[in-house]
Amino acid sequence: MTPRALAALLAMALLSHAQAQAQTVAQLRSQGFVHTYNLDYQEAVASFDKALALDPNDSAPHRARATGLWLHI
């Protein structure tokens, strides 16, 4: 296998991993929204915490987590 082909294969693998992780973060956010809608704030916050563990720079779970905590008061 040529170095160029190996580099292309590695790039595709990294991109695939990043897409899978993004999908998981989106799924965790969605689960958190469902839990919030169903007034299960502890589970909602737990889902948002998991999403933040995967991507701490994503602002949506931060806002949603804060909302869930505020509604739980």
N, C-alpha and C. Protein backbone atom coordinates (compact mmCIF):
# COMPACT_ATOMS: atom_id res chain seq x y z
N MET A 1 0.85 -1.17 0.00
CA MET A 1 0.00 0.00 0.00
C MET A 1 0.90 1.24 0.00
N THR A 2 0.56 2.18 -0.86
CA THR A 2 1.37 3.39 -0.97
C THR A 2 1.10 4.31 0.21
N PRO A 3 2.05 5.18 0.53
CA PRO A 3 1.84 6.13 1.63
C PRO A 3 0.62 7.03 1.39
N ARG A 4 0.39 7.38 0.15
CA ARG A 4 -0.75 8.25 -0.17
C ARG A 4 -2.07 7.52 0.09
N ALA A 5 -2.14 6.26 -0.31
CA ALA A 5 -3.35 5.47 -0.07
C ALA A 5 -3.57 5.24 1.42
N LEU A 6 -2.49 5.01 2.14
CA LEU A 6 -2.59 4.83 3.58
C LEU A 6 -3.07 6.10 4.26
N ALA A 7 -2.58 7.24 3.83
CA ALA A 7 -3.01 8.53 4.38
C ALA A 7 -4.49 8.76 4.09
N ALA A 8 -4.94 8.43 2.90
CA ALA A 8 -6.35 8.60 2.54
C ALA A 8 -7.23 7.69 3.40
N LEU A 9 -6.79 6.46 3.61
CA LEU A 9 -7.54 5.52 4.43
C LEU A 9 -7.63 6.01 5.87
N LEU A 10 -6.54 6.53 6.39
CA LEU A 10 -6.52 7.06 7.75
C LEU A 10 -7.45 8.27 7.86
N ALA A 11 -7.44 9.14 6.88
CA ALA A 11 -8.31 10.32 6.89
C ALA A 11 -9.78 9.91 6.87
N MET A 12 -10.12 8.91 6.08
CA MET A 12 -11.50 8.44 6.03
C MET A 12 -11.91 7.83 7.36
N ALA A 13 -11.02 7.11 8.01
CA ALA A 13 -11.33 6.50 9.30
C ALA A 13 -11.56 7.56 10.36
N LEU A 14 -10.73 8.59 10.37
CA LEU A 14 -10.89 9.68 11.34
C LEU A 14 -12.18 10.44 11.10
N LEU A 15 -12.52 10.69 9.86
CA LEU A 15 -13.75 11.39 9.53
C LEU A 15 -14.96 10.56 9.95
N SER A 16 -14.89 9.27 9.71
CA SER A 16 -15.98 8.37 10.09
C SER A 16 -16.18 8.39 11.61
N HIS A 17 -15.08 8.36 12.36
CA HIS A 17 -15.16 8.40 13.81
C HIS A 17 -15.78 9.72 14.28
N ALA A 18 -15.37 10.83 13.69
CA ALA A 18 -15.91 12.14 14.07
C ALA A 18 -17.40 12.22 13.78
N GLN A 19 -17.84 11.67 12.65
CA GLN A 19 -19.26 11.67 12.31
C GLN A 19 -20.05 10.80 13.27
N ALA A 20 -19.51 9.66 13.64
CA ALA A 20 -20.18 8.77 14.59
C ALA A 20 -20.31 9.44 15.95
N GLN A 21 -19.26 10.13 16.37
CA GLN A 21 -19.30 10.82 17.66
C GLN A 21 -20.33 11.95 17.61
N ALA A 22 -20.37 12.70 16.52
CA ALA A 22 -21.35 13.78 16.38
C ALA A 22 -22.76 13.24 16.42
N GLN A 23 -22.97 12.10 15.80
CA GLN A 23 -24.29 11.49 15.81
C GLN A 23 -24.67 11.09 17.23
N THR A 24 -23.72 10.56 17.97
CA THR A 24 -23.99 10.16 19.34
C THR A 24 -24.32 11.37 20.20
N VAL A 25 -23.61 12.48 20.02
CA VAL A 25 -23.89 13.69 20.77
C VAL A 25 -25.30 14.18 20.44
N ALA A 26 -25.67 14.15 19.18
CA ALA A 26 -27.00 14.57 18.77
C ALA A 26 -28.07 13.67 19.38
N GLN A 27 -27.80 12.37 19.42
CA GLN A 27 -28.76 11.44 20.01
C GLN A 27 -28.91 11.69 21.51
N LEU A 28 -27.81 11.94 22.19
CA LEU A 28 -27.88 12.22 23.62
C LEU A 28 -28.63 13.52 23.89
N ARG A 29 -28.41 14.53 23.06
CA ARG A 29 -29.17 15.78 23.20
C ARG A 29 -30.65 15.51 23.03
N SER A 30 -31.00 14.74 22.02
CA SER A 30 -32.41 14.43 21.76
C SER A 30 -33.03 13.68 22.93
N GLN A 31 -32.28 12.72 23.48
CA GLN A 31 -32.78 12.00 24.65
C GLN A 31 -33.02 12.96 25.81
N GLY A 32 -32.09 13.88 25.99
CA GLY A 32 -32.25 14.87 27.05
C GLY A 32 -33.48 15.74 26.86
N PHE A 33 -33.76 16.12 25.62
CA PHE A 33 -34.96 16.93 25.34
C PHE A 33 -36.22 16.13 25.63
N VAL A 34 -36.21 14.85 25.28
CA VAL A 34 -37.38 14.00 25.56
C VAL A 34 -37.58 13.87 27.07
N HIS A 35 -36.50 13.65 27.80
CA HIS A 35 -36.61 13.56 29.26
C HIS A 35 -37.12 14.88 29.85
N THR A 36 -36.66 16.00 29.33
CA THR A 36 -37.13 17.30 29.82
C THR A 36 -38.62 17.45 29.54
N TYR A 37 -39.04 17.09 28.34
CA TYR A 37 -40.45 17.18 27.98
C TYR A 37 -41.31 16.33 28.91
N ASN A 38 -40.78 15.17 29.30
CA ASN A 38 -41.51 14.26 30.18
C ASN A 38 -41.30 14.58 31.67
N LEU A 39 -40.72 15.73 31.95
CA LEU A 39 -40.49 16.24 33.31
C LEU A 39 -39.57 15.34 34.13
N ASP A 40 -38.71 14.60 33.47
CA ASP A 40 -37.71 13.76 34.15
C ASP A 40 -36.37 14.49 34.07
N TYR A 41 -36.24 15.49 34.93
CA TYR A 41 -35.11 16.40 34.84
C TYR A 41 -33.78 15.75 35.20
N GLN A 42 -33.78 14.81 36.13
CA GLN A 42 -32.52 14.15 36.49
C GLN A 42 -31.96 13.35 35.32
N GLU A 43 -32.82 12.63 34.61
CA GLU A 43 -32.37 11.88 33.44
C GLU A 43 -31.96 12.83 32.32
N ALA A 44 -32.67 13.94 32.19
CA ALA A 44 -32.32 14.92 31.16
C ALA A 44 -30.92 15.47 31.40
N VAL A 45 -30.65 15.87 32.63
CA VAL A 45 -29.34 16.41 32.97
C VAL A 45 -28.26 15.35 32.76
N ALA A 46 -28.56 14.10 33.09
CA ALA A 46 -27.59 13.02 32.88
C ALA A 46 -27.29 12.85 31.38
N SER A 47 -28.31 12.94 30.53
CA SER A 47 -28.09 12.83 29.08
C SER A 47 -27.24 13.99 28.57
N PHE A 48 -27.54 15.19 29.05
CA PHE A 48 -26.75 16.35 28.63
C PHE A 48 -25.32 16.26 29.14
N ASP A 49 -25.13 15.72 30.33
CA ASP A 49 -23.77 15.53 30.86
C ASP A 49 -22.97 14.57 29.98
N LYS A 50 -23.62 13.49 29.53
CA LYS A 50 -22.94 12.54 28.64
C LYS A 50 -22.58 13.20 27.31
N ALA A 51 -23.49 14.02 26.78
CA ALA A 51 -23.20 14.72 25.53
C ALA A 51 -22.03 15.68 25.71
N LEU A 52 -21.99 16.35 26.86
CA LEU A 52 -20.89 17.28 27.13
C LEU A 52 -19.56 16.55 27.32
N ALA A 53 -19.61 15.34 27.84
CA ALA A 53 -18.38 14.57 28.01
C ALA A 53 -17.78 14.23 26.65
N LEU A 54 -18.65 14.01 25.65
CA LEU A 54 -18.15 13.69 24.31
C LEU A 54 -17.69 14.93 23.55
N ASP A 55 -18.40 16.06 23.76
CA ASP A 55 -18.05 17.29 23.04
C ASP A 55 -18.30 18.49 23.96
N PRO A 56 -17.32 18.83 24.80
CA PRO A 56 -17.51 19.92 25.75
C PRO A 56 -17.62 21.31 25.09
N ASN A 57 -17.27 21.42 23.82
CA ASN A 57 -17.36 22.71 23.14
C ASN A 57 -18.71 22.95 22.48
N ASP A 58 -19.61 21.98 22.55
CA ASP A 58 -20.94 22.13 21.98
C ASP A 58 -21.80 22.93 22.97
N SER A 59 -22.29 24.07 22.54
CA SER A 59 -23.01 24.95 23.47
C SER A 59 -24.44 24.48 23.75
N ALA A 60 -25.05 23.72 22.86
CA ALA A 60 -26.45 23.31 23.04
C ALA A 60 -26.66 22.49 24.31
N PRO A 61 -25.83 21.48 24.59
CA PRO A 61 -26.05 20.74 25.84
C PRO A 61 -25.83 21.59 27.09
N HIS A 62 -24.94 22.58 27.01
CA HIS A 62 -24.73 23.47 28.15
C HIS A 62 -26.02 24.24 28.45
N ARG A 63 -26.62 24.80 27.41
CA ARG A 63 -27.86 25.57 27.60
C ARG A 63 -29.00 24.66 28.07
N ALA A 64 -29.11 23.49 27.45
CA ALA A 64 -30.19 22.58 27.80
C ALA A 64 -30.03 22.05 29.22
N ARG A 65 -28.79 21.79 29.62
CA ARG A 65 -28.53 21.33 30.98
C ARG A 65 -28.93 22.41 31.98
N ALA A 66 -28.56 23.64 31.70
CA ALA A 66 -28.92 24.75 32.58
C ALA A 66 -30.44 24.89 32.68
N THR A 67 -31.13 24.73 31.57
CA THR A 67 -32.59 24.81 31.57
C THR A 67 -33.19 23.69 32.40
N GLY A 68 -32.68 22.47 32.24
CA GLY A 68 -33.17 21.34 33.02
C GLY A 68 -32.96 21.54 34.52
N LEU A 69 -31.80 22.07 34.87
CA LEU A 69 -31.53 22.34 36.29
C LEU A 69 -32.44 23.43 36.81
N TRP A 70 -32.69 24.46 36.00
CA TRP A 70 -33.55 25.56 36.41
C TRP A 70 -34.99 25.09 36.58
N LEU A 71 -35.47 24.27 35.67
CA LEU A 71 -36.84 23.76 35.76
C LEU A 71 -37.02 22.82 36.95
N HIS A 72 -35.95 22.19 37.37
CA HIS A 72 -36.01 21.24 38.49
C HIS A 72 -36.11 21.95 39.83
N ILE A 73 -35.84 23.24 39.87
CA ILE A 73 -35.85 24.00 41.15
C ILE A 73 -37.24 24.01 41.74
